[in-house]
Amino acid sequence: MTNTKFLLETLRLADGGKVVCAVQTPDGAVRQSVIEQSFFEEFQGSPMARSAQNSAPRQLRIVADNVGYLEAEAERQWQQGQTQLVIR
């Protein structure tokens, strides 16, 4: 169990296919997290299907479905001393 929590109500799309979300870190601070487009590539399948599978609702659903992994990765980065949390 992590002490880092993604605040899913703050999820939004940003430029370049990135998703941003506020994250509450173990020290209680709220920081911005960026989920890079490369994170979503694993879920895209074939190149022909990428445009349909890369829709905003699909990306947000992928984040919600994988929140445990994302929180663990943000926690790992936080423990390494990173304050800019970027998921790739």
PDB file of N, CA and C in Angstrom:
ATOM      1  N   MET A   1       0.851  -1.188   0.000  1.00  0.00           N
ATOM      2  CA  MET A   1       0.000   0.000   0.000  1.00  0.00           C
ATOM      3  C   MET A   1       0.892   1.245   0.000  1.00  0.00           C
ATOM      4  N   THR A   2       0.522   2.209  -0.810  1.00  0.00           N
ATOM      5  CA  THR A   2       1.326   3.416  -0.917  1.00  0.00           C
ATOM      6  C   THR A   2       0.707   4.555  -0.125  1.00  0.00           C
ATOM      7  N   ASN A   3       1.533   5.532   0.140  1.00  0.00           N
ATOM      8  CA  ASN A   3       1.056   6.756   0.786  1.00  0.00           C
ATOM      9  C   ASN A   3       0.776   7.835  -0.244  1.00  0.00           C
ATOM     10  N   THR A   4       1.046   7.536  -1.490  1.00  0.00           N
ATOM     11  CA  THR A   4       0.824   8.476  -2.580  1.00  0.00           C
ATOM     12  C   THR A   4      -0.537   8.171  -3.187  1.00  0.00           C
ATOM     13  N   LYS A   5      -1.318   9.215  -3.431  1.00  0.00           N
ATOM     14  CA  LYS A   5      -2.681   9.009  -3.920  1.00  0.00           C
ATOM     15  C   LYS A   5      -2.951   9.916  -5.113  1.00  0.00           C
ATOM     16  N   PHE A   6      -3.362   9.296  -6.226  1.00  0.00           N
ATOM     17  CA  PHE A   6      -3.800  10.070  -7.388  1.00  0.00           C
ATOM     18  C   PHE A   6      -5.178  10.628  -7.085  1.00  0.00           C
ATOM     19  N   LEU A   7      -5.367  11.897  -7.317  1.00  0.00           N
ATOM     20  CA  LEU A   7      -6.657  12.551  -7.104  1.00  0.00           C
ATOM     21  C   LEU A   7      -7.396  12.519  -8.441  1.00  0.00           C
ATOM     22  N   LEU A   8      -8.111  11.429  -8.680  1.00  0.00           N
ATOM     23  CA  LEU A   8      -8.703  11.158  -9.991  1.00  0.00           C
ATOM     24  C   LEU A   8      -9.668  12.235 -10.458  1.00  0.00           C
ATOM     25  N   GLU A   9     -10.265  12.985  -9.544  1.00  0.00           N
ATOM     26  CA  GLU A   9     -11.175  14.048  -9.956  1.00  0.00           C
ATOM     27  C   GLU A   9     -10.445  15.184 -10.676  1.00  0.00           C
ATOM     28  N   THR A  10      -9.111  15.183 -10.623  1.00  0.00           N
ATOM     29  CA  THR A  10      -8.333  16.238 -11.285  1.00  0.00           C
ATOM     30  C   THR A  10      -7.773  15.798 -12.639  1.00  0.00           C
ATOM     31  N   LEU A  11      -8.072  14.580 -13.072  1.00  0.00           N
ATOM     32  CA  LEU A  11      -7.576  14.083 -14.363  1.00  0.00           C
ATOM     33  C   LEU A  11      -8.002  14.995 -15.500  1.00  0.00           C
ATOM     34  N   ARG A  12      -7.042  15.286 -16.385  1.00  0.00           N
ATOM     35  CA  ARG A  12      -7.387  16.037 -17.592  1.00  0.00           C
ATOM     36  C   ARG A  12      -6.331  15.783 -18.655  1.00  0.00           C
ATOM     37  N   LEU A  13      -6.725  15.965 -19.890  1.00  0.00           N
ATOM     38  CA  LEU A  13      -5.798  15.816 -21.011  1.00  0.00           C
ATOM     39  C   LEU A  13      -4.976  17.082 -21.171  1.00  0.00           C
ATOM     40  N   ALA A  14      -3.740  16.898 -21.573  1.00  0.00           N
ATOM     41  CA  ALA A  14      -2.847  18.018 -21.859  1.00  0.00           C
ATOM     42  C   ALA A  14      -2.342  17.855 -23.290  1.00  0.00           C
ATOM     43  N   ASP A  15      -1.505  18.767 -23.716  1.00  0.00           N
ATOM     44  CA  ASP A  15      -0.955  18.722 -25.074  1.00  0.00           C
ATOM     45  C   ASP A  15      -0.157  17.443 -25.318  1.00  0.00           C
ATOM     46  N   GLY A  16      -0.165  17.008 -26.556  1.00  0.00           N
ATOM     47  CA  GLY A  16       0.660  15.885 -26.967  1.00  0.00           C
ATOM     48  C   GLY A  16       0.210  14.523 -26.472  1.00  0.00           C
ATOM     49  N   GLY A  17      -1.045  14.395 -26.073  1.00  0.00           N
ATOM     50  CA  GLY A  17      -1.544  13.112 -25.627  1.00  0.00           C
ATOM     51  C   GLY A  17      -1.213  12.787 -24.183  1.00  0.00           C
ATOM     52  N   LYS A  18      -0.648  13.727 -23.478  1.00  0.00           N
ATOM     53  CA  LYS A  18      -0.331  13.513 -22.065  1.00  0.00           C
ATOM     54  C   LYS A  18      -1.595  13.677 -21.233  1.00  0.00           C
ATOM     55  N   VAL A  19      -1.568  13.055 -20.077  1.00  0.00           N
ATOM     56  CA  VAL A  19      -2.638  13.215 -19.100  1.00  0.00           C
ATOM     57  C   VAL A  19      -1.992  13.787 -17.843  1.00  0.00           C
ATOM     58  N   VAL A  20      -2.616  14.782 -17.244  1.00  0.00           N
ATOM     59  CA  VAL A  20      -2.113  15.341 -15.992  1.00  0.00           C
ATOM     60  C   VAL A  20      -3.121  15.070 -14.887  1.00  0.00           C
ATOM     61  N   CYS A  21      -2.590  14.952 -13.692  1.00  0.00           N
ATOM     62  CA  CYS A  21      -3.422  14.637 -12.544  1.00  0.00           C
ATOM     63  C   CYS A  21      -2.702  15.112 -11.290  1.00  0.00           C
ATOM     64  N   ALA A  22      -3.443  15.632 -10.348  1.00  0.00           N
ATOM     65  CA  ALA A  22      -2.853  15.994  -9.066  1.00  0.00           C
ATOM     66  C   ALA A  22      -2.616  14.724  -8.265  1.00  0.00           C
ATOM     67  N   VAL A  23      -1.514  14.733  -7.508  1.00  0.00           N
ATOM     68  CA  VAL A  23      -1.140  13.594  -6.689  1.00  0.00           C
ATOM     69  C   VAL A  23      -0.847  14.098  -5.288  1.00  0.00           C
ATOM     70  N   GLN A  24      -1.405  13.436  -4.296  1.00  0.00           N
ATOM     71  CA  GLN A  24      -1.067  13.773  -2.921  1.00  0.00           C
ATOM     72  C   GLN A  24       0.113  12.892  -2.525  1.00  0.00           C
ATOM     73  N   THR A  25       1.219  13.533  -2.132  1.00  0.00           N
ATOM     74  CA  THR A  25       2.447  12.819  -1.798  1.00  0.00           C
ATOM     75  C   THR A  25       2.473  12.476  -0.308  1.00  0.00           C
ATOM     76  N   PRO A  26       3.389  11.603   0.096  1.00  0.00           N
ATOM     77  CA  PRO A  26       3.438  11.186   1.497  1.00  0.00           C
ATOM     78  C   PRO A  26       3.567  12.332   2.505  1.00  0.00           C
ATOM     79  N   ASP A  27       4.140  13.461   2.090  1.00  0.00           N
ATOM     80  CA  ASP A  27       4.269  14.592   3.017  1.00  0.00           C
ATOM     81  C   ASP A  27       3.000  15.444   3.070  1.00  0.00           C
ATOM     82  N   GLY A  28       1.959  15.010   2.358  1.00  0.00           N
ATOM     83  CA  GLY A  28       0.685  15.715   2.370  1.00  0.00           C
ATOM     84  C   GLY A  28       0.553  16.794   1.309  1.00  0.00           C
ATOM     85  N   ALA A  29       1.630  17.078   0.587  1.00  0.00           N
ATOM     86  CA  ALA A  29       1.581  18.081  -0.471  1.00  0.00           C
ATOM     87  C   ALA A  29       0.823  17.540  -1.682  1.00  0.00           C
ATOM     88  N   VAL A  30       0.228  18.436  -2.435  1.00  0.00           N
ATOM     89  CA  VAL A  30      -0.433  18.064  -3.677  1.00  0.00           C
ATOM     90  C   VAL A  30       0.433  18.587  -4.819  1.00  0.00           C
ATOM     91  N   ARG A  31       0.844  17.667  -5.687  1.00  0.00           N
ATOM     92  CA  ARG A  31       1.726  18.003  -6.810  1.00  0.00           C
ATOM     93  C   ARG A  31       1.089  17.521  -8.110  1.00  0.00           C
ATOM     94  N   GLN A  32       1.520  18.128  -9.200  1.00  0.00           N
ATOM     95  CA  GLN A  32       1.057  17.697 -10.519  1.00  0.00           C
ATOM     96  C   GLN A  32       1.863  16.490 -10.958  1.00  0.00           C
ATOM     97  N   SER A  33       1.198  15.548 -11.559  1.00  0.00           N
ATOM     98  CA  SER A  33       1.830  14.392 -12.163  1.00  0.00           C
ATOM     99  C   SER A  33       1.497  14.414 -13.646  1.00  0.00           C
ATOM    100  N   VAL A  34       2.449  13.989 -14.445  1.00  0.00           N
ATOM    101  CA  VAL A  34       2.240  13.898 -15.890  1.00  0.00           C
ATOM    102  C   VAL A  34       2.371  12.438 -16.286  1.00  0.00           C
ATOM    103  N   ILE A  35       1.392  11.965 -17.025  1.00  0.00           N
ATOM    104  CA  ILE A  35       1.447  10.615 -17.569  1.00  0.00           C
ATOM    105  C   ILE A  35       1.710  10.784 -19.061  1.00  0.00           C
ATOM    106  N   GLU A  36       2.906  10.397 -19.480  1.00  0.00           N
ATOM    107  CA  GLU A  36       3.329  10.590 -20.869  1.00  0.00           C
ATOM    108  C   GLU A  36       2.567   9.661 -21.815  1.00  0.00           C
ATOM    109  N   GLN A  37       2.514  10.054 -23.077  1.00  0.00           N
ATOM    110  CA  GLN A  37       1.857   9.263 -24.109  1.00  0.00           C
ATOM    111  C   GLN A  37       2.443   7.858 -24.181  1.00  0.00           C
ATOM    112  N   SER A  38       3.730   7.713 -23.910  1.00  0.00           N
ATOM    113  CA  SER A  38       4.366   6.394 -23.998  1.00  0.00           C
ATOM    114  C   SER A  38       3.725   5.377 -23.048  1.00  0.00           C
ATOM    115  N   PHE A  39       3.171   5.832 -21.921  1.00  0.00           N
ATOM    116  CA  PHE A  39       2.476   4.924 -21.012  1.00  0.00           C
ATOM    117  C   PHE A  39       1.284   4.262 -21.704  1.00  0.00           C
ATOM    118  N   PHE A  40       0.594   5.012 -22.551  1.00  0.00           N
ATOM    119  CA  PHE A  40      -0.617   4.514 -23.202  1.00  0.00           C
ATOM    120  C   PHE A  40      -0.327   3.620 -24.396  1.00  0.00           C
ATOM    121  N   GLU A  41       0.900   3.646 -24.928  1.00  0.00           N
ATOM    122  CA  GLU A  41       1.235   2.867 -26.117  1.00  0.00           C
ATOM    123  C   GLU A  41       1.022   1.378 -25.899  1.00  0.00           C
ATOM    124  N   GLU A  42       1.256   0.897 -24.697  1.00  0.00           N
ATOM    125  CA  GLU A  42       1.073  -0.511 -24.381  1.00  0.00           C
ATOM    126  C   GLU A  42      -0.383  -0.944 -24.570  1.00  0.00           C
ATOM    127  N   PHE A  43      -1.311  -0.027 -24.450  1.00  0.00           N
ATOM    128  CA  PHE A  43      -2.739  -0.326 -24.539  1.00  0.00           C
ATOM    129  C   PHE A  43      -3.309  -0.084 -25.931  1.00  0.00           C
ATOM    130  N   GLN A  44      -2.483   0.401 -26.870  1.00  0.00           N
ATOM    131  CA  GLN A  44      -2.995   0.845 -28.163  1.00  0.00           C
ATOM    132  C   GLN A  44      -3.165  -0.247 -29.192  1.00  0.00           C
ATOM    133  N   GLY A  45      -2.470  -1.335 -29.089  1.00  0.00           N
ATOM    134  CA  GLY A  45      -2.625  -2.395 -30.078  1.00  0.00           C
ATOM    135  C   GLY A  45      -1.974  -2.037 -31.403  1.00  0.00           C
ATOM    136  N   SER A  46      -2.617  -2.380 -32.485  1.00  0.00           N
ATOM    137  CA  SER A  46      -2.065  -2.181 -33.819  1.00  0.00           C
ATOM    138  C   SER A  46      -2.055  -0.708 -34.211  1.00  0.00           C
ATOM    139  N   PRO A  47      -1.150  -0.326 -35.117  1.00  0.00           N
ATOM    140  CA  PRO A  47      -1.101   1.079 -35.562  1.00  0.00           C
ATOM    141  C   PRO A  47      -2.409   1.564 -36.176  1.00  0.00           C
ATOM    142  N   MET A  48      -3.152   0.683 -36.833  1.00  0.00           N
ATOM    143  CA  MET A  48      -4.415   1.074 -37.463  1.00  0.00           C
ATOM    144  C   MET A  48      -5.440   1.489 -36.409  1.00  0.00           C
ATOM    145  N   ALA A  49      -5.379   0.880 -35.249  1.00  0.00           N
ATOM    146  CA  ALA A  49      -6.368   1.134 -34.204  1.00  0.00           C
ATOM    147  C   ALA A  49      -5.982   2.288 -33.284  1.00  0.00           C
ATOM    148  N   ARG A  50      -4.792   2.831 -33.446  1.00  0.00           N
ATOM    149  CA  ARG A  50      -4.304   3.832 -32.496  1.00  0.00           C
ATOM    150  C   ARG A  50      -5.181   5.064 -32.382  1.00  0.00           C
ATOM    151  N   SER A  51      -5.670   5.586 -33.484  1.00  0.00           N
ATOM    152  CA  SER A  51      -6.459   6.812 -33.391  1.00  0.00           C
ATOM    153  C   SER A  51      -7.746   6.592 -32.596  1.00  0.00           C
ATOM    154  N   ALA A  52      -8.397   5.465 -32.799  1.00  0.00           N
ATOM    155  CA  ALA A  52      -9.624   5.185 -32.058  1.00  0.00           C
ATOM    156  C   ALA A  52      -9.327   4.859 -30.604  1.00  0.00           C
ATOM    157  N   GLN A  53      -8.229   4.176 -30.360  1.00  0.00           N
ATOM    158  CA  GLN A  53      -7.915   3.758 -29.007  1.00  0.00           C
ATOM    159  C   GLN A  53      -7.258   4.858 -28.189  1.00  0.00           C
ATOM    160  N   ASN A  54      -6.861   5.940 -28.823  1.00  0.00           N
ATOM    161  CA  ASN A  54      -6.169   7.011 -28.131  1.00  0.00           C
ATOM    162  C   ASN A  54      -7.126   8.141 -27.759  1.00  0.00           C
ATOM    163  N   SER A  55      -8.402   7.867 -27.726  1.00  0.00           N
ATOM    164  CA  SER A  55      -9.377   8.904 -27.413  1.00  0.00           C
ATOM    165  C   SER A  55      -9.258   9.318 -25.947  1.00  0.00           C
ATOM    166  N   ALA A  56      -9.706  10.521 -25.658  1.00  0.00           N
ATOM    167  CA  ALA A  56      -9.636  11.046 -24.292  1.00  0.00           C
ATOM    168  C   ALA A  56     -10.355  10.143 -23.292  1.00  0.00           C
ATOM    169  N   PRO A  57     -11.583   9.726 -23.568  1.00  0.00           N
ATOM    170  CA  PRO A  57     -12.252   8.858 -22.588  1.00  0.00           C
ATOM    171  C   PRO A  57     -11.490   7.548 -22.344  1.00  0.00           C
ATOM    172  N   ARG A  58     -10.906   7.008 -23.400  1.00  0.00           N
ATOM    173  CA  ARG A  58     -10.148   5.759 -23.244  1.00  0.00           C
ATOM    174  C   ARG A  58      -8.910   5.991 -22.384  1.00  0.00           C
ATOM    175  N   GLN A  59      -8.187   7.075 -22.624  1.00  0.00           N
ATOM    176  CA  GLN A  59      -7.000   7.354 -21.810  1.00  0.00           C
ATOM    177  C   GLN A  59      -7.375   7.538 -20.341  1.00  0.00           C
ATOM    178  N   LEU A  60      -8.438   8.251 -20.083  1.00  0.00           N
ATOM    179  CA  LEU A  60      -8.855   8.478 -18.704  1.00  0.00           C
ATOM    180  C   LEU A  60      -9.296   7.172 -18.044  1.00  0.00           C
ATOM    181  N   ARG A  61      -9.929   6.297 -18.814  1.00  0.00           N
ATOM    182  CA  ARG A  61     -10.334   4.994 -18.283  1.00  0.00           C
ATOM    183  C   ARG A  61      -9.102   4.136 -17.986  1.00  0.00           C
ATOM    184  N   ILE A  62      -8.096   4.187 -18.859  1.00  0.00           N
ATOM    185  CA  ILE A  62      -6.854   3.443 -18.624  1.00  0.00           C
ATOM    186  C   ILE A  62      -6.207   3.907 -17.323  1.00  0.00           C
ATOM    187  N   VAL A  63      -6.196   5.212 -17.099  1.00  0.00           N
ATOM    188  CA  VAL A  63      -5.630   5.737 -15.849  1.00  0.00           C
ATOM    189  C   VAL A  63      -6.423   5.206 -14.658  1.00  0.00           C
ATOM    190  N   ALA A  64      -7.736   5.308 -14.715  1.00  0.00           N
ATOM    191  CA  ALA A  64      -8.570   4.847 -13.603  1.00  0.00           C
ATOM    192  C   ALA A  64      -8.381   3.346 -13.359  1.00  0.00           C
ATOM    193  N   ASP A  65      -8.269   2.563 -14.426  1.00  0.00           N
ATOM    194  CA  ASP A  65      -8.103   1.112 -14.296  1.00  0.00           C
ATOM    195  C   ASP A  65      -6.732   0.723 -13.758  1.00  0.00           C
ATOM    196  N   ASN A  66      -5.746   1.592 -13.907  1.00  0.00           N
ATOM    197  CA  ASN A  66      -4.368   1.290 -13.513  1.00  0.00           C
ATOM    198  C   ASN A  66      -3.866   2.184 -12.391  1.00  0.00           C
ATOM    199  N   VAL A  67      -4.779   2.757 -11.628  1.00  0.00           N
ATOM    200  CA  VAL A  67      -4.406   3.722 -10.599  1.00  0.00           C
ATOM    201  C   VAL A  67      -3.457   3.115  -9.560  1.00  0.00           C
ATOM    202  N   GLY A  68      -3.615   1.854  -9.224  1.00  0.00           N
ATOM    203  CA  GLY A  68      -2.719   1.215  -8.263  1.00  0.00           C
ATOM    204  C   GLY A  68      -1.284   1.221  -8.737  1.00  0.00           C
ATOM    205  N   TYR A  69      -1.077   0.842 -10.000  1.00  0.00           N
ATOM    206  CA  TYR A  69       0.262   0.866 -10.575  1.00  0.00           C
ATOM    207  C   TYR A  69       0.808   2.287 -10.608  1.00  0.00           C
ATOM    208  N   LEU A  70      -0.017   3.234 -11.045  1.00  0.00           N
ATOM    209  CA  LEU A  70       0.422   4.626 -11.157  1.00  0.00           C
ATOM    210  C   LEU A  70       0.804   5.204  -9.797  1.00  0.00           C
ATOM    211  N   GLU A  71       0.022   4.895  -8.779  1.00  0.00           N
ATOM    212  CA  GLU A  71       0.352   5.378  -7.435  1.00  0.00           C
ATOM    213  C   GLU A  71       1.648   4.759  -6.936  1.00  0.00           C
ATOM    214  N   ALA A  72       1.855   3.476  -7.212  1.00  0.00           N
ATOM    215  CA  ALA A  72       3.098   2.813  -6.800  1.00  0.00           C
ATOM    216  C   ALA A  72       4.300   3.423  -7.523  1.00  0.00           C
ATOM    217  N   GLU A  73       4.138   3.724  -8.809  1.00  0.00           N
ATOM    218  CA  GLU A  73       5.235   4.335  -9.571  1.00  0.00           C
ATOM    219  C   GLU A  73       5.520   5.744  -9.063  1.00  0.00           C
ATOM    220  N   ALA A  74       4.486   6.514  -8.782  1.00  0.00           N
ATOM    221  CA  ALA A  74       4.686   7.867  -8.231  1.00  0.00           C
ATOM    222  C   ALA A  74       5.359   7.777  -6.863  1.00  0.00           C
ATOM    223  N   GLU A  75       4.968   6.814  -6.058  1.00  0.00           N
ATOM    224  CA  GLU A  75       5.589   6.596  -4.744  1.00  0.00           C
ATOM    225  C   GLU A  75       7.072   6.267  -4.903  1.00  0.00           C
ATOM    226  N   ARG A  76       7.386   5.386  -5.854  1.00  0.00           N
ATOM    227  CA  ARG A  76       8.783   5.021  -6.114  1.00  0.00           C
ATOM    228  C   ARG A  76       9.599   6.249  -6.494  1.00  0.00           C
ATOM    229  N   GLN A  77       9.054   7.063  -7.392  1.00  0.00           N
ATOM    230  CA  GLN A  77       9.757   8.276  -7.804  1.00  0.00           C
ATOM    231  C   GLN A  77       9.925   9.229  -6.628  1.00  0.00           C
ATOM    232  N   TRP A  78       8.894   9.362  -5.817  1.00  0.00           N
ATOM    233  CA  TRP A  78       8.948  10.241  -4.645  1.00  0.00           C
ATOM    234  C   TRP A  78      10.046   9.773  -3.683  1.00  0.00           C
ATOM    235  N   GLN A  79      10.114   8.461  -3.444  1.00  0.00           N
ATOM    236  CA  GLN A  79      11.127   7.906  -2.544  1.00  0.00           C
ATOM    237  C   GLN A  79      12.540   8.114  -3.076  1.00  0.00           C
ATOM    238  N   GLN A  80      12.676   8.253  -4.380  1.00  0.00           N
ATOM    239  CA  GLN A  80      13.975   8.523  -5.000  1.00  0.00           C
ATOM    240  C   GLN A  80      14.318  10.006  -4.966  1.00  0.00           C
ATOM    241  N   GLY A  81      13.434  10.807  -4.396  1.00  0.00           N
ATOM    242  CA  GLY A  81      13.705  12.230  -4.260  1.00  0.00           C
ATOM    243  C   GLY A  81      13.181  13.091  -5.392  1.00  0.00           C
ATOM    244  N   GLN A  82      12.451  12.510  -6.312  1.00  0.00           N
ATOM    245  CA  GLN A  82      11.906  13.288  -7.414  1.00  0.00           C
ATOM    246  C   GLN A  82      10.655  14.023  -6.949  1.00  0.00           C
ATOM    247  N   THR A  83      10.563  15.273  -7.313  1.00  0.00           N
ATOM    248  CA  THR A  83       9.358  16.033  -6.973  1.00  0.00           C
ATOM    249  C   THR A  83       8.503  16.277  -8.210  1.00  0.00           C
ATOM    250  N   GLN A  84       9.047  16.082  -9.388  1.00  0.00           N
ATOM    251  CA  GLN A  84       8.302  16.149 -10.641  1.00  0.00           C
ATOM    252  C   GLN A  84       7.955  14.723 -11.003  1.00  0.00           C
ATOM    253  N   LEU A  85       6.724  14.328 -10.810  1.00  0.00           N
ATOM    254  CA  LEU A  85       6.314  12.948 -11.014  1.00  0.00           C
ATOM    255  C   LEU A  85       5.854  12.758 -12.453  1.00  0.00           C
ATOM    256  N   VAL A  86       6.644  11.992 -13.210  1.00  0.00           N
ATOM    257  CA  VAL A  86       6.350  11.758 -14.623  1.00  0.00           C
ATOM    258  C   VAL A  86       6.319  10.253 -14.859  1.00  0.00           C
ATOM    259  N   ILE A  87       5.185   9.778 -15.315  1.00  0.00           N
ATOM    260  CA  ILE A  87       4.994   8.356 -15.607  1.00  0.00           C
ATOM    261  C   ILE A  87       5.205   8.164 -17.103  1.00  0.00           C
ATOM    262  N   ARG A  88       6.073   7.250 -17.449  1.00  0.00           N
ATOM    263  CA  ARG A  88       6.359   6.971 -18.872  1.00  0.00           C
ATOM    264  C   ARG A  88       5.971   5.563 -19.215  1.00  0.00           C
TER     265      ARG A  88
END
